Amino acid sequence: MNKRYNLFSQMKVKNIESYNKLYEKGEIQEKLPYIVIIVDELADEYKLSEVGKALVKFYVNLDPALRDLFEAELQKTFQIKK
């Protein structure tokens, strides 16, 4: 994820669509794929130490707006109270 942000910054684009258009113009050599993450049974994943650590690291690095959406979905799914 950080690699993508750095690439966007270097090429002065704000999103993956703009970045991939540079590929079509021949300005870059490789397109970036979209990343879709589906987390099912999140509580079970946290029980596994290495996976749990990776998920926490991922969550901390999320953009704040995306983090809010992620939290809202968790609250809806698990009925978590803040």
PDB file of N, CA and C in Angstrom:
ATOM      1  N   MET A   1       0.822  -1.179   0.000  1.00  0.00           N
ATOM      2  CA  MET A   1       0.000   0.000   0.000  1.00  0.00           C
ATOM      3  C   MET A   1       0.876   1.256   0.000  1.00  0.00           C
ATOM      4  N   ASN A   2       1.893   1.248   0.829  1.00  0.00           N
ATOM      5  CA  ASN A   2       2.795   2.405   0.846  1.00  0.00           C
ATOM      6  C   ASN A   2       3.519   2.555  -0.485  1.00  0.00           C
ATOM      7  N   LYS A   3       3.843   1.405  -1.107  1.00  0.00           N
ATOM      8  CA  LYS A   3       4.500   1.451  -2.414  1.00  0.00           C
ATOM      9  C   LYS A   3       3.593   2.167  -3.414  1.00  0.00           C
ATOM     10  N   ARG A   4       2.304   1.872  -3.372  1.00  0.00           N
ATOM     11  CA  ARG A   4       1.358   2.521  -4.280  1.00  0.00           C
ATOM     12  C   ARG A   4       1.303   4.027  -4.033  1.00  0.00           C
ATOM     13  N   TYR A   5       1.234   4.418  -2.791  1.00  0.00           N
ATOM     14  CA  TYR A   5       1.197   5.854  -2.482  1.00  0.00           C
ATOM     15  C   TYR A   5       2.457   6.548  -3.002  1.00  0.00           C
ATOM     16  N   ASN A   6       3.596   5.901  -2.847  1.00  0.00           N
ATOM     17  CA  ASN A   6       4.842   6.486  -3.350  1.00  0.00           C
ATOM     18  C   ASN A   6       4.830   6.592  -4.870  1.00  0.00           C
ATOM     19  N   LEU A   7       4.331   5.556  -5.545  1.00  0.00           N
ATOM     20  CA  LEU A   7       4.238   5.609  -7.004  1.00  0.00           C
ATOM     21  C   LEU A   7       3.303   6.728  -7.457  1.00  0.00           C
ATOM     22  N   PHE A   8       2.162   6.845  -6.798  1.00  0.00           N
ATOM     23  CA  PHE A   8       1.211   7.915  -7.138  1.00  0.00           C
ATOM     24  C   PHE A   8       1.858   9.282  -6.950  1.00  0.00           C
ATOM     25  N   SER A   9       2.578   9.427  -5.862  1.00  0.00           N
ATOM     26  CA  SER A   9       3.242  10.694  -5.566  1.00  0.00           C
ATOM     27  C   SER A   9       4.288  11.032  -6.629  1.00  0.00           C
ATOM     28  N   GLN A  10       5.098  10.049  -6.993  1.00  0.00           N
ATOM     29  CA  GLN A  10       6.143  10.271  -7.997  1.00  0.00           C
ATOM     30  C   GLN A  10       5.561  10.673  -9.349  1.00  0.00           C
ATOM     31  N   MET A  11       4.434  10.053  -9.710  1.00  0.00           N
ATOM     32  CA  MET A  11       3.837  10.328 -11.014  1.00  0.00           C
ATOM     33  C   MET A  11       2.794  11.451 -10.954  1.00  0.00           C
ATOM     34  N   LYS A  12       2.614  12.011  -9.747  1.00  0.00           N
ATOM     35  CA  LYS A  12       1.688  13.126  -9.529  1.00  0.00           C
ATOM     36  C   LYS A  12       0.250  12.783  -9.959  1.00  0.00           C
ATOM     37  N   VAL A  13      -0.224  11.640  -9.512  1.00  0.00           N
ATOM     38  CA  VAL A  13      -1.611  11.223  -9.744  1.00  0.00           C
ATOM     39  C   VAL A  13      -2.258  10.948  -8.395  1.00  0.00           C
ATOM     40  N   LYS A  14      -3.599  10.943  -8.380  1.00  0.00           N
ATOM     41  CA  LYS A  14      -4.305  10.783  -7.111  1.00  0.00           C
ATOM     42  C   LYS A  14      -4.965   9.426  -6.920  1.00  0.00           C
ATOM     43  N   ASN A  15      -5.082   8.647  -8.004  1.00  0.00           N
ATOM     44  CA  ASN A  15      -5.751   7.362  -7.855  1.00  0.00           C
ATOM     45  C   ASN A  15      -5.222   6.357  -8.866  1.00  0.00           C
ATOM     46  N   ILE A  16      -5.669   5.120  -8.731  1.00  0.00           N
ATOM     47  CA  ILE A  16      -5.157   4.043  -9.565  1.00  0.00           C
ATOM     48  C   ILE A  16      -5.580   4.205 -11.024  1.00  0.00           C
ATOM     49  N   GLU A  17      -6.772   4.747 -11.244  1.00  0.00           N
ATOM     50  CA  GLU A  17      -7.226   4.951 -12.625  1.00  0.00           C
ATOM     51  C   GLU A  17      -6.300   5.913 -13.362  1.00  0.00           C
ATOM     52  N   SER A  18      -5.966   7.007 -12.721  1.00  0.00           N
ATOM     53  CA  SER A  18      -5.056   7.982 -13.340  1.00  0.00           C
ATOM     54  C   SER A  18      -3.678   7.364 -13.570  1.00  0.00           C
ATOM     55  N   TYR A  19      -3.227   6.580 -12.606  1.00  0.00           N
ATOM     56  CA  TYR A  19      -1.922   5.933 -12.742  1.00  0.00           C
ATOM     57  C   TYR A  19      -1.917   4.967 -13.925  1.00  0.00           C
ATOM     58  N   ASN A  20      -2.956   4.143 -14.042  1.00  0.00           N
ATOM     59  CA  ASN A  20      -3.014   3.166 -15.122  1.00  0.00           C
ATOM     60  C   ASN A  20      -3.193   3.822 -16.491  1.00  0.00           C
ATOM     61  N   LYS A  21      -3.752   5.016 -16.541  1.00  0.00           N
ATOM     62  CA  LYS A  21      -3.841   5.746 -17.813  1.00  0.00           C
ATOM     63  C   LYS A  21      -2.448   6.116 -18.317  1.00  0.00           C
ATOM     64  N   LEU A  22      -1.519   6.312 -17.394  1.00  0.00           N
ATOM     65  CA  LEU A  22      -0.138   6.592 -17.787  1.00  0.00           C
ATOM     66  C   LEU A  22       0.462   5.382 -18.513  1.00  0.00           C
ATOM     67  N   TYR A  23       0.032   4.191 -18.123  1.00  0.00           N
ATOM     68  CA  TYR A  23       0.487   2.967 -18.801  1.00  0.00           C
ATOM     69  C   TYR A  23      -0.009   2.961 -20.248  1.00  0.00           C
ATOM     70  N   GLU A  24      -1.293   3.325 -20.420  1.00  0.00           N
ATOM     71  CA  GLU A  24      -1.870   3.365 -21.765  1.00  0.00           C
ATOM     72  C   GLU A  24      -1.156   4.388 -22.653  1.00  0.00           C
ATOM     73  N   LYS A  25      -0.668   5.460 -22.044  1.00  0.00           N
ATOM     74  CA  LYS A  25       0.067   6.487 -22.793  1.00  0.00           C
ATOM     75  C   LYS A  25       1.528   6.104 -23.004  1.00  0.00           C
ATOM     76  N   GLY A  26       1.967   5.019 -22.367  1.00  0.00           N
ATOM     77  CA  GLY A  26       3.341   4.568 -22.516  1.00  0.00           C
ATOM     78  C   GLY A  26       4.333   5.259 -21.594  1.00  0.00           C
ATOM     79  N   GLU A  27       3.838   5.964 -20.579  1.00  0.00           N
ATOM     80  CA  GLU A  27       4.717   6.689 -19.662  1.00  0.00           C
ATOM     81  C   GLU A  27       5.277   5.805 -18.543  1.00  0.00           C
ATOM     82  N   ILE A  28       4.608   4.689 -18.280  1.00  0.00           N
ATOM     83  CA  ILE A  28       5.091   3.739 -17.279  1.00  0.00           C
ATOM     84  C   ILE A  28       5.075   2.347 -17.900  1.00  0.00           C
ATOM     85  N   GLN A  29       5.794   1.398 -17.297  1.00  0.00           N
ATOM     86  CA  GLN A  29       5.936   0.073 -17.900  1.00  0.00           C
ATOM     87  C   GLN A  29       4.962  -0.968 -17.364  1.00  0.00           C
ATOM     88  N   GLU A  30       4.324  -0.675 -16.240  1.00  0.00           N
ATOM     89  CA  GLU A  30       3.485  -1.696 -15.619  1.00  0.00           C
ATOM     90  C   GLU A  30       2.223  -1.089 -15.023  1.00  0.00           C
ATOM     91  N   LYS A  31       1.089  -1.736 -15.269  1.00  0.00           N
ATOM     92  CA  LYS A  31      -0.172  -1.319 -14.654  1.00  0.00           C
ATOM     93  C   LYS A  31      -0.232  -1.859 -13.228  1.00  0.00           C
ATOM     94  N   LEU A  32      -0.966  -1.171 -12.385  1.00  0.00           N
ATOM     95  CA  LEU A  32      -1.210  -1.672 -11.029  1.00  0.00           C
ATOM     96  C   LEU A  32      -2.573  -2.350 -10.993  1.00  0.00           C
ATOM     97  N   PRO A  33      -2.652  -3.533 -10.383  1.00  0.00           N
ATOM     98  CA  PRO A  33      -3.961  -4.188 -10.248  1.00  0.00           C
ATOM     99  C   PRO A  33      -4.750  -3.566  -9.096  1.00  0.00           C
ATOM    100  N   TYR A  34      -6.058  -3.683  -9.183  1.00  0.00           N
ATOM    101  CA  TYR A  34      -6.900  -3.280  -8.062  1.00  0.00           C
ATOM    102  C   TYR A  34      -6.764  -4.335  -6.981  1.00  0.00           C
ATOM    103  N   ILE A  35      -6.855  -3.914  -5.734  1.00  0.00           N
ATOM    104  CA  ILE A  35      -6.761  -4.841  -4.613  1.00  0.00           C
ATOM    105  C   ILE A  35      -8.107  -4.845  -3.891  1.00  0.00           C
ATOM    106  N   VAL A  36      -8.663  -6.037  -3.722  1.00  0.00           N
ATOM    107  CA  VAL A  36      -9.912  -6.196  -2.994  1.00  0.00           C
ATOM    108  C   VAL A  36      -9.622  -7.108  -1.818  1.00  0.00           C
ATOM    109  N   ILE A  37      -9.953  -6.645  -0.631  1.00  0.00           N
ATOM    110  CA  ILE A  37      -9.712  -7.438   0.571  1.00  0.00           C
ATOM    111  C   ILE A  37     -11.055  -7.749   1.210  1.00  0.00           C
ATOM    112  N   ILE A  38     -11.318  -9.014   1.381  1.00  0.00           N
ATOM    113  CA  ILE A  38     -12.553  -9.451   2.029  1.00  0.00           C
ATOM    114  C   ILE A  38     -12.150 -10.172   3.303  1.00  0.00           C
ATOM    115  N   VAL A  39     -12.611  -9.674   4.427  1.00  0.00           N
ATOM    116  CA  VAL A  39     -12.275 -10.269   5.713  1.00  0.00           C
ATOM    117  C   VAL A  39     -13.526 -10.935   6.270  1.00  0.00           C
ATOM    118  N   ASP A  40     -13.461 -12.244   6.405  1.00  0.00           N
ATOM    119  CA  ASP A  40     -14.576 -12.998   6.949  1.00  0.00           C
ATOM    120  C   ASP A  40     -14.076 -13.675   8.218  1.00  0.00           C
ATOM    121  N   GLU A  41     -14.901 -13.707   9.202  1.00  0.00           N
ATOM    122  CA  GLU A  41     -14.513 -14.304  10.475  1.00  0.00           C
ATOM    123  C   GLU A  41     -13.286 -13.595  11.050  1.00  0.00           C
ATOM    124  N   LEU A  42     -13.374 -12.274  11.135  1.00  0.00           N
ATOM    125  CA  LEU A  42     -12.248 -11.461  11.583  1.00  0.00           C
ATOM    126  C   LEU A  42     -11.768 -11.854  12.977  1.00  0.00           C
ATOM    127  N   ALA A  43     -12.694 -12.152  13.859  1.00  0.00           N
ATOM    128  CA  ALA A  43     -12.300 -12.506  15.219  1.00  0.00           C
ATOM    129  C   ALA A  43     -11.418 -13.760  15.229  1.00  0.00           C
ATOM    130  N   ASP A  44     -11.729 -14.723  14.363  1.00  0.00           N
ATOM    131  CA  ASP A  44     -10.912 -15.934  14.284  1.00  0.00           C
ATOM    132  C   ASP A  44      -9.510 -15.613  13.788  1.00  0.00           C
ATOM    133  N   GLU A  45      -9.414 -14.671  12.848  1.00  0.00           N
ATOM    134  CA  GLU A  45      -8.103 -14.308  12.312  1.00  0.00           C
ATOM    135  C   GLU A  45      -7.221 -13.665  13.383  1.00  0.00           C
ATOM    136  N   TYR A  46      -7.814 -12.862  14.267  1.00  0.00           N
ATOM    137  CA  TYR A  46      -7.030 -12.214  15.312  1.00  0.00           C
ATOM    138  C   TYR A  46      -6.450 -13.228  16.296  1.00  0.00           C
ATOM    139  N   LYS A  47      -7.065 -14.375  16.395  1.00  0.00           N
ATOM    140  CA  LYS A  47      -6.561 -15.389  17.316  1.00  0.00           C
ATOM    141  C   LYS A  47      -5.214 -15.947  16.860  1.00  0.00           C
ATOM    142  N   LEU A  48      -4.974 -15.925  15.554  1.00  0.00           N
ATOM    143  CA  LEU A  48      -3.702 -16.419  15.013  1.00  0.00           C
ATOM    144  C   LEU A  48      -2.697 -15.281  15.094  1.00  0.00           C
ATOM    145  N   SER A  49      -1.690 -15.445  15.874  1.00  0.00           N
ATOM    146  CA  SER A  49      -0.800 -14.336  16.214  1.00  0.00           C
ATOM    147  C   SER A  49      -0.183 -13.628  15.013  1.00  0.00           C
ATOM    148  N   GLU A  50       0.416 -14.339  14.082  1.00  0.00           N
ATOM    149  CA  GLU A  50       1.079 -13.676  12.953  1.00  0.00           C
ATOM    150  C   GLU A  50       0.067 -12.983  12.054  1.00  0.00           C
ATOM    151  N   VAL A  51      -1.038 -13.641  11.798  1.00  0.00           N
ATOM    152  CA  VAL A  51      -2.074 -13.044  10.958  1.00  0.00           C
ATOM    153  C   VAL A  51      -2.683 -11.844  11.673  1.00  0.00           C
ATOM    154  N   GLY A  52      -2.917 -11.983  12.964  1.00  0.00           N
ATOM    155  CA  GLY A  52      -3.477 -10.876  13.733  1.00  0.00           C
ATOM    156  C   GLY A  52      -2.573  -9.660  13.705  1.00  0.00           C
ATOM    157  N   LYS A  53      -1.276  -9.873  13.849  1.00  0.00           N
ATOM    158  CA  LYS A  53      -0.317  -8.763  13.797  1.00  0.00           C
ATOM    159  C   LYS A  53      -0.344  -8.096  12.428  1.00  0.00           C
ATOM    160  N   ALA A  54      -0.414  -8.903  11.377  1.00  0.00           N
ATOM    161  CA  ALA A  54      -0.454  -8.344  10.016  1.00  0.00           C
ATOM    162  C   ALA A  54      -1.730  -7.536   9.805  1.00  0.00           C
ATOM    163  N   LEU A  55      -2.857  -8.028  10.328  1.00  0.00           N
ATOM    164  CA  LEU A  55      -4.116  -7.297  10.185  1.00  0.00           C
ATOM    165  C   LEU A  55      -4.085  -5.976  10.944  1.00  0.00           C
ATOM    166  N   VAL A  56      -3.515  -6.003  12.122  1.00  0.00           N
ATOM    167  CA  VAL A  56      -3.409  -4.761  12.900  1.00  0.00           C
ATOM    168  C   VAL A  56      -2.522  -3.760  12.168  1.00  0.00           C
ATOM    169  N   LYS A  57      -1.404  -4.215  11.630  1.00  0.00           N
ATOM    170  CA  LYS A  57      -0.507  -3.330  10.886  1.00  0.00           C
ATOM    171  C   LYS A  57      -1.218  -2.752   9.662  1.00  0.00           C
ATOM    172  N   PHE A  58      -1.965  -3.596   8.948  1.00  0.00           N
ATOM    173  CA  PHE A  58      -2.735  -3.144   7.789  1.00  0.00           C
ATOM    174  C   PHE A  58      -3.751  -2.075   8.207  1.00  0.00           C
ATOM    175  N   TYR A  59      -4.475  -2.344   9.283  1.00  0.00           N
ATOM    176  CA  TYR A  59      -5.512  -1.430   9.754  1.00  0.00           C
ATOM    177  C   TYR A  59      -4.921  -0.075  10.142  1.00  0.00           C
ATOM    178  N   VAL A  60      -3.801  -0.080  10.810  1.00  0.00           N
ATOM    179  CA  VAL A  60      -3.157   1.161  11.244  1.00  0.00           C
ATOM    180  C   VAL A  60      -2.730   2.005  10.048  1.00  0.00           C
ATOM    181  N   ASN A  61      -2.338   1.344   8.955  1.00  0.00           N
ATOM    182  CA  ASN A  61      -1.875   2.063   7.770  1.00  0.00           C
ATOM    183  C   ASN A  61      -3.005   2.506   6.843  1.00  0.00           C
ATOM    184  N   LEU A  62      -4.230   2.122   7.146  1.00  0.00           N
ATOM    185  CA  LEU A  62      -5.344   2.516   6.288  1.00  0.00           C
ATOM    186  C   LEU A  62      -5.543   4.024   6.319  1.00  0.00           C
ATOM    187  N   ASP A  63      -5.975   4.545   5.222  1.00  0.00           N
ATOM    188  CA  ASP A  63      -6.362   5.949   5.146  1.00  0.00           C
ATOM    189  C   ASP A  63      -7.490   6.177   6.165  1.00  0.00           C
ATOM    190  N   PRO A  64      -7.497   7.316   6.878  1.00  0.00           N
ATOM    191  CA  PRO A  64      -8.513   7.539   7.911  1.00  0.00           C
ATOM    192  C   PRO A  64      -9.959   7.393   7.413  1.00  0.00           C
ATOM    193  N   ALA A  65     -10.268   7.849   6.201  1.00  0.00           N
ATOM    194  CA  ALA A  65     -11.633   7.730   5.683  1.00  0.00           C
ATOM    195  C   ALA A  65     -12.002   6.265   5.463  1.00  0.00           C
ATOM    196  N   LEU A  66     -11.059   5.498   4.947  1.00  0.00           N
ATOM    197  CA  LEU A  66     -11.289   4.082   4.734  1.00  0.00           C
ATOM    198  C   LEU A  66     -11.397   3.355   6.070  1.00  0.00           C
ATOM    199  N   ARG A  67     -10.606   3.799   7.041  1.00  0.00           N
ATOM    200  CA  ARG A  67     -10.658   3.202   8.370  1.00  0.00           C
ATOM    201  C   ARG A  67     -12.040   3.408   8.989  1.00  0.00           C
ATOM    202  N   ASP A  68     -12.628   4.607   8.805  1.00  0.00           N
ATOM    203  CA  ASP A  68     -13.967   4.872   9.334  1.00  0.00           C
ATOM    204  C   ASP A  68     -15.002   3.941   8.707  1.00  0.00           C
ATOM    205  N   LEU A  69     -14.889   3.722   7.403  1.00  0.00           N
ATOM    206  CA  LEU A  69     -15.797   2.818   6.716  1.00  0.00           C
ATOM    207  C   LEU A  69     -15.621   1.397   7.231  1.00  0.00           C
ATOM    208  N   PHE A  70     -14.368   0.985   7.407  1.00  0.00           N
ATOM    209  CA  PHE A  70     -14.046  -0.344   7.917  1.00  0.00           C
ATOM    210  C   PHE A  70     -14.645  -0.526   9.306  1.00  0.00           C
ATOM    211  N   GLU A  71     -14.488   0.479  10.170  1.00  0.00           N
ATOM    212  CA  GLU A  71     -15.041   0.407  11.530  1.00  0.00           C
ATOM    213  C   GLU A  71     -16.555   0.328  11.496  1.00  0.00           C
ATOM    214  N   ALA A  72     -17.185   1.100  10.606  1.00  0.00           N
ATOM    215  CA  ALA A  72     -18.646   1.094  10.508  1.00  0.00           C
ATOM    216  C   ALA A  72     -19.147  -0.292  10.117  1.00  0.00           C
ATOM    217  N   GLU A  73     -18.458  -0.925   9.185  1.00  0.00           N
ATOM    218  CA  GLU A  73     -18.845  -2.273   8.774  1.00  0.00           C
ATOM    219  C   GLU A  73     -18.662  -3.268   9.926  1.00  0.00           C
ATOM    220  N   LEU A  74     -17.559  -3.136  10.662  1.00  0.00           N
ATOM    221  CA  LEU A  74     -17.335  -4.018  11.811  1.00  0.00           C
ATOM    222  C   LEU A  74     -18.420  -3.831  12.857  1.00  0.00           C
ATOM    223  N   GLN A  75     -18.772  -2.578  13.124  1.00  0.00           N
ATOM    224  CA  GLN A  75     -19.802  -2.308  14.125  1.00  0.00           C
ATOM    225  C   GLN A  75     -21.133  -2.906  13.698  1.00  0.00           C
ATOM    226  N   LYS A  76     -21.436  -2.772  12.408  1.00  0.00           N
ATOM    227  CA  LYS A  76     -22.686  -3.311  11.899  1.00  0.00           C
ATOM    228  C   LYS A  76     -22.681  -4.832  11.981  1.00  0.00           C
ATOM    229  N   THR A  77     -21.569  -5.434  11.621  1.00  0.00           N
ATOM    230  CA  THR A  77     -21.472  -6.892  11.584  1.00  0.00           C
ATOM    231  C   THR A  77     -21.439  -7.504  12.981  1.00  0.00           C
ATOM    232  N   PHE A  78     -20.617  -6.928  13.858  1.00  0.00           N
ATOM    233  CA  PHE A  78     -20.427  -7.505  15.183  1.00  0.00           C
ATOM    234  C   PHE A  78     -21.157  -6.759  16.291  1.00  0.00           C
ATOM    235  N   GLN A  79     -21.915  -5.734  15.931  1.00  0.00           N
ATOM    236  CA  GLN A  79     -22.643  -4.900  16.899  1.00  0.00           C
ATOM    237  C   GLN A  79     -21.730  -4.427  18.024  1.00  0.00           C
ATOM    238  N   ILE A  80     -20.627  -3.807  17.619  1.00  0.00           N
ATOM    239  CA  ILE A  80     -19.623  -3.289  18.561  1.00  0.00           C
ATOM    240  C   ILE A  80     -20.063  -1.909  19.021  1.00  0.00           C
ATOM    241  N   LYS A  81     -19.899  -1.647  20.311  1.00  0.00           N
ATOM    242  CA  LYS A  81     -20.207  -0.320  20.845  1.00  0.00           C
ATOM    243  C   LYS A  81     -18.920   0.409  21.119  1.00  0.00           C
ATOM    244  N   LYS A  82     -18.868   1.700  20.759  1.00  0.00           N
ATOM    245  CA  LYS A  82     -17.674   2.504  21.033  1.00  0.00           C
ATOM    246  C   LYS A  82     -17.769   3.108  22.401  1.00  0.00           C
TER     247      LYS A  82
END
